[in-house]
Every structure is written in structure tokens, then in C-alpha cells.
N, C-alpha and C. Protein backbone atom coordinates (compact mmCIF):
# COMPACT_ATOMS: atom_id res chain seq x y z
N UNK A 1 0.84 -1.17 0.00
CA UNK A 1 0.00 0.00 0.00
C UNK A 1 0.89 1.23 0.00
N UNK A 2 0.52 2.20 -0.83
CA UNK A 2 1.24 3.45 -0.89
C UNK A 2 2.49 3.41 -1.76
N UNK A 3 2.85 2.26 -2.29
CA UNK A 3 4.03 2.14 -3.15
C UNK A 3 3.63 2.06 -4.61
N UNK A 4 2.79 2.98 -5.02
CA UNK A 4 2.36 3.06 -6.40
C UNK A 4 2.20 4.54 -6.75
N UNK A 5 2.22 4.81 -8.01
CA UNK A 5 2.07 6.18 -8.49
C UNK A 5 0.58 6.52 -8.48
N UNK A 6 0.14 7.54 -7.74
CA UNK A 6 -1.28 7.89 -7.71
C UNK A 6 -1.87 8.14 -9.10
N UNK A 7 -1.05 8.56 -10.05
CA UNK A 7 -1.55 8.77 -11.41
C UNK A 7 -2.05 7.46 -12.04
N UNK A 8 -1.51 6.33 -11.56
CA UNK A 8 -1.94 5.03 -12.09
C UNK A 8 -3.37 4.68 -11.72
N UNK A 9 -3.88 5.26 -10.64
CA UNK A 9 -5.24 4.94 -10.19
C UNK A 9 -6.22 6.08 -10.41
N UNK A 10 -5.72 7.20 -10.90
CA UNK A 10 -6.59 8.36 -11.10
C UNK A 10 -7.72 8.02 -12.06
N UNK A 11 -8.95 8.28 -11.61
CA UNK A 11 -10.16 8.05 -12.40
C UNK A 11 -10.33 6.60 -12.84
N UNK A 12 -9.88 5.66 -12.04
CA UNK A 12 -10.01 4.24 -12.37
C UNK A 12 -11.06 3.58 -11.47
N UNK A 13 -11.72 2.59 -12.03
CA UNK A 13 -12.56 1.68 -11.25
C UNK A 13 -11.76 0.39 -11.14
N UNK A 14 -11.46 -0.03 -9.93
CA UNK A 14 -10.53 -1.14 -9.70
C UNK A 14 -11.24 -2.25 -8.94
N UNK A 15 -11.04 -3.48 -9.40
CA UNK A 15 -11.57 -4.66 -8.72
C UNK A 15 -10.42 -5.63 -8.53
N UNK A 16 -10.13 -5.97 -7.27
CA UNK A 16 -9.07 -6.93 -6.97
C UNK A 16 -9.66 -8.15 -6.28
N UNK A 17 -9.25 -9.31 -6.74
CA UNK A 17 -9.68 -10.56 -6.12
C UNK A 17 -8.79 -10.91 -4.93
N UNK A 18 -7.69 -10.24 -4.75
CA UNK A 18 -6.75 -10.54 -3.68
C UNK A 18 -7.39 -10.43 -2.30
N UNK A 19 -6.87 -11.20 -1.38
CA UNK A 19 -7.39 -11.23 -0.01
C UNK A 19 -7.09 -9.94 0.75
N UNK A 20 -8.04 -9.48 1.49
CA UNK A 20 -7.93 -8.39 2.45
C UNK A 20 -7.53 -7.03 1.85
N UNK A 21 -7.65 -6.86 0.54
CA UNK A 21 -7.29 -5.58 -0.07
C UNK A 21 -8.28 -4.48 0.29
N UNK A 22 -9.49 -4.84 0.70
CA UNK A 22 -10.48 -3.82 1.05
C UNK A 22 -10.25 -3.22 2.43
N UNK A 23 -9.33 -3.79 3.19
CA UNK A 23 -9.04 -3.24 4.52
C UNK A 23 -8.30 -1.91 4.41
N UNK A 24 -7.21 -1.89 3.65
CA UNK A 24 -6.40 -0.67 3.57
C UNK A 24 -6.16 -0.22 2.14
N UNK A 25 -5.84 -1.16 1.26
CA UNK A 25 -5.48 -0.77 -0.11
C UNK A 25 -6.65 -0.11 -0.84
N UNK A 26 -7.83 -0.68 -0.78
CA UNK A 26 -9.00 -0.09 -1.45
C UNK A 26 -9.28 1.33 -1.00
N UNK A 27 -9.41 1.57 0.30
CA UNK A 27 -9.62 2.94 0.75
C UNK A 27 -8.47 3.88 0.38
N UNK A 28 -7.23 3.36 0.40
CA UNK A 28 -6.09 4.17 0.01
C UNK A 28 -6.15 4.54 -1.48
N UNK A 29 -6.54 3.59 -2.32
CA UNK A 29 -6.67 3.87 -3.75
C UNK A 29 -7.72 4.95 -4.00
N UNK A 30 -8.82 4.88 -3.29
CA UNK A 30 -9.88 5.88 -3.45
C UNK A 30 -9.39 7.24 -2.96
N UNK A 31 -8.64 7.26 -1.87
CA UNK A 31 -8.11 8.51 -1.35
C UNK A 31 -7.12 9.15 -2.31
N UNK A 32 -6.50 8.33 -3.16
CA UNK A 32 -5.52 8.84 -4.13
C UNK A 32 -6.18 9.09 -5.48
N UNK A 33 -7.41 9.46 -5.50
CA UNK A 33 -8.23 9.87 -6.65
C UNK A 33 -8.69 8.72 -7.54
N UNK A 34 -8.70 7.50 -7.03
CA UNK A 34 -9.36 6.44 -7.77
C UNK A 34 -10.86 6.71 -7.75
N UNK A 35 -11.57 6.23 -8.75
CA UNK A 35 -13.02 6.47 -8.81
C UNK A 35 -13.80 5.49 -7.95
N UNK A 36 -13.57 4.20 -8.15
CA UNK A 36 -14.30 3.17 -7.41
C UNK A 36 -13.39 1.98 -7.19
N UNK A 37 -13.64 1.27 -6.11
CA UNK A 37 -12.86 0.09 -5.78
C UNK A 37 -13.79 -0.99 -5.25
N UNK A 38 -13.59 -2.22 -5.70
CA UNK A 38 -14.26 -3.38 -5.09
C UNK A 38 -13.21 -4.44 -4.78
N UNK A 39 -13.42 -5.11 -3.68
CA UNK A 39 -12.53 -6.17 -3.27
C UNK A 39 -13.02 -6.77 -1.96
N UNK A 40 -12.17 -7.56 -1.35
CA UNK A 40 -12.56 -8.33 -0.17
C UNK A 40 -11.88 -7.82 1.09
N UNK A 41 -12.68 -7.60 2.13
CA UNK A 41 -12.19 -7.11 3.42
C UNK A 41 -11.43 -8.20 4.16
N UNK A 42 -11.83 -9.43 3.98
CA UNK A 42 -11.14 -10.60 4.55
C UNK A 42 -10.65 -11.47 3.40
N UNK A 43 -10.06 -12.61 3.70
CA UNK A 43 -9.56 -13.49 2.66
C UNK A 43 -10.69 -13.98 1.76
N UNK A 44 -10.46 -13.92 0.44
CA UNK A 44 -11.37 -14.57 -0.50
C UNK A 44 -11.09 -16.06 -0.37
N UNK A 45 -12.14 -16.83 -0.07
CA UNK A 45 -11.98 -18.26 0.18
C UNK A 45 -12.90 -19.04 -0.74
N UNK A 46 -12.43 -20.19 -1.20
CA UNK A 46 -13.25 -21.04 -2.05
C UNK A 46 -12.99 -22.49 -1.71
N UNK A 47 -13.87 -23.35 -2.19
CA UNK A 47 -13.68 -24.79 -2.02
C UNK A 47 -13.58 -25.44 -3.40
N UNK A 48 -12.85 -26.53 -3.45
CA UNK A 48 -12.77 -27.29 -4.69
C UNK A 48 -14.08 -28.03 -4.90
N UNK A 49 -14.39 -28.31 -6.13
CA UNK A 49 -15.61 -29.04 -6.45
C UNK A 49 -15.53 -30.44 -5.87
N UNK A 50 -16.63 -30.88 -5.29
CA UNK A 50 -16.71 -32.23 -4.73
C UNK A 50 -17.13 -33.19 -5.84
N UNK A 51 -16.35 -34.25 -6.08
CA UNK A 51 -16.70 -35.21 -7.13
C UNK A 51 -18.10 -35.78 -6.92
N UNK A 52 -18.81 -35.92 -8.00
CA UNK A 52 -20.14 -36.52 -7.94
C UNK A 52 -21.25 -35.54 -7.62
N UNK A 53 -20.94 -34.28 -7.38
CA UNK A 53 -22.00 -33.30 -7.10
C UNK A 53 -22.54 -32.77 -8.42
N UNK A 54 -23.81 -32.46 -8.47
CA UNK A 54 -24.41 -32.01 -9.73
C UNK A 54 -24.01 -30.58 -10.13
N UNK A 55 -23.43 -29.84 -9.18
CA UNK A 55 -23.05 -28.45 -9.45
C UNK A 55 -21.55 -28.31 -9.24
N UNK A 56 -20.89 -27.65 -10.17
CA UNK A 56 -19.47 -27.38 -10.01
C UNK A 56 -19.32 -26.26 -8.99
N UNK A 57 -19.03 -26.63 -7.76
CA UNK A 57 -18.97 -25.65 -6.68
C UNK A 57 -17.85 -24.64 -6.86
N UNK A 58 -16.70 -25.07 -7.34
CA UNK A 58 -15.59 -24.15 -7.56
C UNK A 58 -15.98 -23.05 -8.55
N UNK A 59 -16.66 -23.44 -9.60
CA UNK A 59 -17.08 -22.46 -10.61
C UNK A 59 -18.03 -21.41 -10.02
N UNK A 60 -18.82 -21.79 -9.02
CA UNK A 60 -19.72 -20.81 -8.40
C UNK A 60 -18.95 -19.62 -7.84
N UNK A 61 -17.81 -19.87 -7.23
CA UNK A 61 -17.01 -18.78 -6.66
C UNK A 61 -16.52 -17.83 -7.74
N UNK A 62 -16.02 -18.40 -8.84
CA UNK A 62 -15.50 -17.55 -9.92
C UNK A 62 -16.63 -16.80 -10.61
N UNK A 63 -17.75 -17.45 -10.79
CA UNK A 63 -18.90 -16.77 -11.42
C UNK A 63 -19.38 -15.60 -10.56
N UNK A 64 -19.44 -15.83 -9.25
CA UNK A 64 -19.90 -14.76 -8.36
C UNK A 64 -18.97 -13.56 -8.44
N UNK A 65 -17.69 -13.77 -8.25
CA UNK A 65 -16.75 -12.66 -8.26
C UNK A 65 -16.68 -11.97 -9.62
N UNK A 66 -16.70 -12.73 -10.69
CA UNK A 66 -16.58 -12.12 -12.02
C UNK A 66 -17.85 -11.38 -12.45
N UNK A 67 -18.94 -11.56 -11.74
CA UNK A 67 -20.16 -10.82 -12.06
C UNK A 67 -19.89 -9.32 -12.07
N UNK A 68 -19.10 -8.84 -11.11
CA UNK A 68 -18.80 -7.42 -11.07
C UNK A 68 -18.11 -6.97 -12.36
N UNK A 69 -17.11 -7.71 -12.78
CA UNK A 69 -16.36 -7.37 -14.00
C UNK A 69 -17.25 -7.38 -15.23
N UNK A 70 -18.06 -8.40 -15.33
CA UNK A 70 -18.93 -8.56 -16.50
C UNK A 70 -19.94 -7.42 -16.57
N UNK A 71 -20.55 -7.10 -15.44
CA UNK A 71 -21.53 -6.00 -15.42
C UNK A 71 -20.88 -4.67 -15.77
N UNK A 72 -19.70 -4.41 -15.21
CA UNK A 72 -19.00 -3.17 -15.53
C UNK A 72 -18.66 -3.13 -17.02
N UNK A 73 -18.20 -4.24 -17.55
CA UNK A 73 -17.84 -4.29 -18.97
C UNK A 73 -19.04 -4.06 -19.87
N UNK A 74 -20.22 -4.38 -19.36
CA UNK A 74 -21.45 -4.16 -20.14
C UNK A 74 -22.09 -2.80 -19.87
N UNK A 75 -21.38 -1.91 -19.18
CA UNK A 75 -21.84 -0.54 -19.02
C UNK A 75 -22.57 -0.20 -17.75
N UNK A 76 -22.60 -1.11 -16.77
CA UNK A 76 -23.30 -0.83 -15.51
C UNK A 76 -22.48 0.13 -14.65
N UNK A 77 -23.17 0.77 -13.72
CA UNK A 77 -22.46 1.57 -12.71
C UNK A 77 -21.83 0.62 -11.71
N UNK A 78 -20.88 1.15 -10.93
CA UNK A 78 -20.24 0.34 -9.90
C UNK A 78 -21.27 -0.19 -8.91
N UNK A 79 -22.23 0.65 -8.54
CA UNK A 79 -23.25 0.21 -7.58
C UNK A 79 -24.13 -0.90 -8.16
N UNK A 80 -24.55 -0.74 -9.40
CA UNK A 80 -25.38 -1.77 -10.04
C UNK A 80 -24.60 -3.08 -10.16
N UNK A 81 -23.33 -2.99 -10.53
CA UNK A 81 -22.50 -4.19 -10.64
C UNK A 81 -22.29 -4.85 -9.28
N UNK A 82 -22.14 -4.02 -8.24
CA UNK A 82 -21.98 -4.54 -6.88
C UNK A 82 -23.25 -5.27 -6.43
N UNK A 83 -24.40 -4.66 -6.65
CA UNK A 83 -25.67 -5.27 -6.27
C UNK A 83 -25.88 -6.58 -7.02
N UNK A 84 -25.53 -6.60 -8.30
CA UNK A 84 -25.66 -7.84 -9.09
C UNK A 84 -24.72 -8.92 -8.56
N UNK A 85 -23.55 -8.52 -8.11
CA UNK A 85 -22.59 -9.49 -7.55
C UNK A 85 -23.14 -10.10 -6.27
N UNK A 86 -23.70 -9.29 -5.40
CA UNK A 86 -24.29 -9.79 -4.16
C UNK A 86 -25.46 -10.73 -4.49
N UNK A 87 -26.29 -10.37 -5.46
CA UNK A 87 -27.41 -11.22 -5.88
C UNK A 87 -26.91 -12.55 -6.44
N UNK A 88 -25.80 -12.52 -7.17
CA UNK A 88 -25.23 -13.75 -7.71
C UNK A 88 -24.72 -14.64 -6.59
N UNK A 89 -24.08 -14.04 -5.60
CA UNK A 89 -23.67 -14.82 -4.42
C UNK A 89 -24.89 -15.46 -3.76
N UNK A 90 -25.96 -14.70 -3.57
CA UNK A 90 -27.16 -15.24 -2.94
C UNK A 90 -27.73 -16.41 -3.73
N UNK A 91 -27.76 -16.28 -5.05
CA UNK A 91 -28.28 -17.37 -5.90
C UNK A 91 -27.38 -18.60 -5.79
N UNK A 92 -26.07 -18.39 -5.77
CA UNK A 92 -25.14 -19.52 -5.66
C UNK A 92 -25.29 -20.22 -4.33
N UNK A 93 -25.43 -19.46 -3.27
CA UNK A 93 -25.62 -20.03 -1.93
C UNK A 93 -26.88 -20.90 -1.90
N UNK A 94 -27.93 -20.43 -2.55
CA UNK A 94 -29.20 -21.17 -2.59
C UNK A 94 -29.07 -22.48 -3.38
N UNK A 95 -28.11 -22.54 -4.30
CA UNK A 95 -27.92 -23.76 -5.09
C UNK A 95 -27.26 -24.89 -4.31
N UNK A 96 -26.52 -24.55 -3.24
CA UNK A 96 -25.77 -25.56 -2.50
C UNK A 96 -26.00 -25.42 -0.99
N UNK A 97 -27.27 -25.43 -0.56
CA UNK A 97 -27.55 -25.19 0.87
C UNK A 97 -26.91 -26.25 1.77
N UNK A 98 -26.45 -25.79 2.93
CA UNK A 98 -25.92 -26.72 3.92
C UNK A 98 -24.57 -27.32 3.60
N UNK A 99 -23.87 -26.77 2.62
CA UNK A 99 -22.57 -27.32 2.24
C UNK A 99 -21.45 -26.37 2.67
N UNK A 100 -20.23 -26.90 2.62
CA UNK A 100 -19.07 -26.04 2.87
C UNK A 100 -19.02 -24.91 1.84
N UNK A 101 -19.41 -25.20 0.62
CA UNK A 101 -19.43 -24.17 -0.43
C UNK A 101 -20.36 -23.04 -0.04
N UNK A 102 -21.53 -23.36 0.48
CA UNK A 102 -22.49 -22.32 0.89
C UNK A 102 -21.90 -21.46 2.02
N UNK A 103 -21.21 -22.10 2.94
CA UNK A 103 -20.59 -21.37 4.04
C UNK A 103 -19.55 -20.38 3.53
N UNK A 104 -18.68 -20.83 2.62
CA UNK A 104 -17.62 -19.96 2.12
C UNK A 104 -18.13 -18.94 1.10
N UNK A 105 -19.16 -19.28 0.35
CA UNK A 105 -19.79 -18.28 -0.52
C UNK A 105 -20.40 -17.16 0.32
N UNK A 106 -21.01 -17.53 1.43
CA UNK A 106 -21.58 -16.53 2.35
C UNK A 106 -20.47 -15.65 2.92
N UNK A 107 -19.38 -16.27 3.31
CA UNK A 107 -18.21 -15.53 3.82
C UNK A 107 -17.75 -14.49 2.79
N UNK A 108 -17.53 -14.96 1.55
CA UNK A 108 -17.03 -14.06 0.50
C UNK A 108 -18.03 -12.93 0.23
N UNK A 109 -19.30 -13.28 0.15
CA UNK A 109 -20.34 -12.26 -0.07
C UNK A 109 -20.32 -11.21 1.02
N UNK A 110 -20.22 -11.65 2.27
CA UNK A 110 -20.27 -10.73 3.40
C UNK A 110 -19.06 -9.81 3.49
N UNK A 111 -17.95 -10.20 2.87
CA UNK A 111 -16.73 -9.38 2.95
C UNK A 111 -16.39 -8.70 1.62
N UNK A 112 -17.28 -8.74 0.66
CA UNK A 112 -17.09 -8.02 -0.60
C UNK A 112 -17.50 -6.57 -0.37
N UNK A 113 -16.65 -5.62 -0.74
CA UNK A 113 -16.89 -4.20 -0.46
C UNK A 113 -16.81 -3.35 -1.72
N UNK A 114 -17.56 -2.26 -1.69
CA UNK A 114 -17.50 -1.23 -2.73
C UNK A 114 -17.17 0.09 -2.05
N UNK A 115 -16.13 0.75 -2.52
CA UNK A 115 -15.75 2.07 -2.02
C UNK A 115 -15.72 3.06 -3.18
N UNK A 116 -15.96 4.31 -2.87
CA UNK A 116 -15.80 5.37 -3.87
C UNK A 116 -17.10 5.73 -4.55
N UNK A 117 -16.98 6.17 -5.79
CA UNK A 117 -18.09 6.68 -6.58
C UNK A 117 -18.97 5.53 -7.08
N UNK A 118 -20.16 5.44 -6.51
CA UNK A 118 -21.08 4.35 -6.89
C UNK A 118 -21.61 4.50 -8.31
N UNK A 119 -21.49 5.70 -8.88
CA UNK A 119 -21.97 5.92 -10.25
C UNK A 119 -20.87 5.72 -11.28
N UNK A 120 -19.67 5.33 -10.84
CA UNK A 120 -18.54 5.15 -11.75
C UNK A 120 -18.87 4.09 -12.80
N UNK A 121 -18.46 4.39 -14.02
CA UNK A 121 -18.58 3.45 -15.13
C UNK A 121 -17.23 3.36 -15.82
N UNK A 122 -17.02 2.31 -16.55
CA UNK A 122 -15.83 2.23 -17.38
C UNK A 122 -16.24 2.59 -18.79
N UNK A 123 -15.71 3.71 -19.25
CA UNK A 123 -16.08 4.19 -20.57
C UNK A 123 -14.91 4.95 -21.15
N UNK A 124 -14.55 4.76 -22.36
CA UNK A 124 -15.16 3.76 -23.24
C UNK A 124 -14.68 2.36 -22.87
N UNK A 125 -15.51 1.40 -23.11
CA UNK A 125 -15.15 0.03 -22.81
C UNK A 125 -15.27 -0.80 -24.07
N UNK A 126 -14.41 -1.79 -24.15
CA UNK A 126 -14.41 -2.72 -25.28
C UNK A 126 -14.31 -4.12 -24.70
N UNK A 127 -15.19 -5.01 -25.10
CA UNK A 127 -15.16 -6.38 -24.60
C UNK A 127 -14.45 -7.25 -25.63
N UNK A 128 -13.32 -7.82 -25.26
CA UNK A 128 -12.52 -8.64 -26.15
C UNK A 128 -12.32 -10.02 -25.56
N UNK A 129 -12.31 -11.06 -26.38
CA UNK A 129 -11.95 -12.38 -25.85
C UNK A 129 -10.46 -12.39 -25.53
N UNK A 130 -10.08 -13.13 -24.49
CA UNK A 130 -8.67 -13.22 -24.13
C UNK A 130 -7.89 -14.06 -25.12
N UNK A 131 -8.53 -15.09 -25.61
CA UNK A 131 -7.96 -15.93 -26.67
C UNK A 131 -9.13 -16.32 -27.56
N UNK A 132 -8.86 -16.86 -28.72
CA UNK A 132 -9.98 -17.30 -29.56
C UNK A 132 -10.82 -18.40 -28.91
N UNK A 133 -10.29 -19.03 -27.85
CA UNK A 133 -10.97 -20.16 -27.24
C UNK A 133 -11.59 -19.85 -25.89
N UNK A 134 -11.39 -18.65 -25.38
CA UNK A 134 -11.88 -18.33 -24.04
C UNK A 134 -12.74 -17.08 -24.08
N UNK A 135 -13.92 -17.17 -23.55
CA UNK A 135 -14.80 -16.01 -23.45
C UNK A 135 -14.35 -15.14 -22.30
N UNK A 136 -14.55 -13.84 -22.39
CA UNK A 136 -14.19 -12.93 -21.31
C UNK A 136 -14.89 -13.33 -20.02
N UNK A 137 -16.14 -13.77 -20.13
CA UNK A 137 -16.92 -14.15 -18.96
C UNK A 137 -16.23 -15.23 -18.14
N UNK A 138 -15.42 -16.06 -18.79
CA UNK A 138 -14.78 -17.16 -18.10
C UNK A 138 -13.41 -16.79 -17.53
N UNK A 139 -12.94 -15.59 -17.78
CA UNK A 139 -11.62 -15.17 -17.33
C UNK A 139 -11.61 -14.91 -15.83
N UNK A 140 -10.45 -15.08 -15.22
CA UNK A 140 -10.33 -14.73 -13.81
C UNK A 140 -10.45 -13.22 -13.66
N UNK A 141 -11.15 -12.77 -12.65
CA UNK A 141 -11.47 -11.34 -12.53
C UNK A 141 -10.40 -10.51 -11.81
N UNK A 142 -9.26 -10.34 -12.42
CA UNK A 142 -8.22 -9.48 -11.86
C UNK A 142 -7.94 -8.39 -12.88
N UNK A 143 -8.86 -7.45 -13.01
CA UNK A 143 -8.80 -6.46 -14.07
C UNK A 143 -8.71 -5.05 -13.53
N UNK A 144 -8.09 -4.18 -14.27
CA UNK A 144 -8.04 -2.76 -13.96
C UNK A 144 -8.75 -2.02 -15.08
N UNK A 145 -9.76 -1.26 -14.73
CA UNK A 145 -10.59 -0.59 -15.72
C UNK A 145 -10.25 0.89 -15.83
N UNK A 146 -10.37 1.42 -17.01
CA UNK A 146 -10.26 2.86 -17.20
C UNK A 146 -11.65 3.43 -17.24
N UNK A 147 -11.89 4.46 -16.45
CA UNK A 147 -13.22 5.03 -16.39
C UNK A 147 -13.22 6.49 -16.88
N UNK A 148 -12.24 6.86 -17.66
CA UNK A 148 -12.16 8.22 -18.18
C UNK A 148 -13.30 8.50 -19.15
């Protein structure tokens, strides 16, 4: 924290999947003229998929977290993307009631934070596939957005 050029975060909407970045780094980024920040106040935790289960539990974690990125990429405000992310966590939790996955999805949902300008958007935005074989929706959500 604090070992970055403030110009790098100026007018940016930032989402980090890293653990505990919402404790100090997120608020610090916003204080240094970042527009919006989302991340986790505690460790982002997930469970591996249990063989023989009808739902890929591991994928639920990635889908929940990447909801924010996908919504922002489609033109939503930071607040709308945040609300959609929380709703996605709630839906995922309902799919696997009483499991370790539900416990950790609840944990991640409860520690996901939004700081800064809730009306921030990333514009102009362009949605590109990472490779010809991978959709952006399936990418890990460690992205830095320009919101100029």
C-alpha cells in the first residue's frame, strides 16, 4: 500500500480478487483519486468441487466474483455491478444449501466491499476475448478498468 504512483489509479474503477485488499489498499486507492474500488475485506476463500456433485462448486465462486467485472464491462455503474454481484452470491448459496461451499460463498459475499463513486462506469469500454478459445466471462477477474 502506498508504493504506487497515484496517477496510475486516477479516475479508475478497480476490482481486486486478492485477499484483504479492502481493509487498507482499497480505501487508500480511493483517497488517491481512484473512482471506485471493489474487493474483499477478509480473505477470499473457495472450495474445490466435490466429485459426484451435480453443481461445479468451484465455478460458483469464480462466477460470483466475475459478475462485477462482466456487469461493468457491459456498461453498468459500480453500484449496479456490486448489487448484481451480491445477488449472484445469494443465488449460488441457494444452489448448495448446507454445504461447505455455501458457508464460504456466504463468507465471500459478506466481505465483498465497494468504495468510492457508486456511479462510476468504465467508458469507453471494449469487450474482447482473451484468446480465440476463451470467453471474457470465463476469465479470472483481476482487471483494472479505465473510467475516463
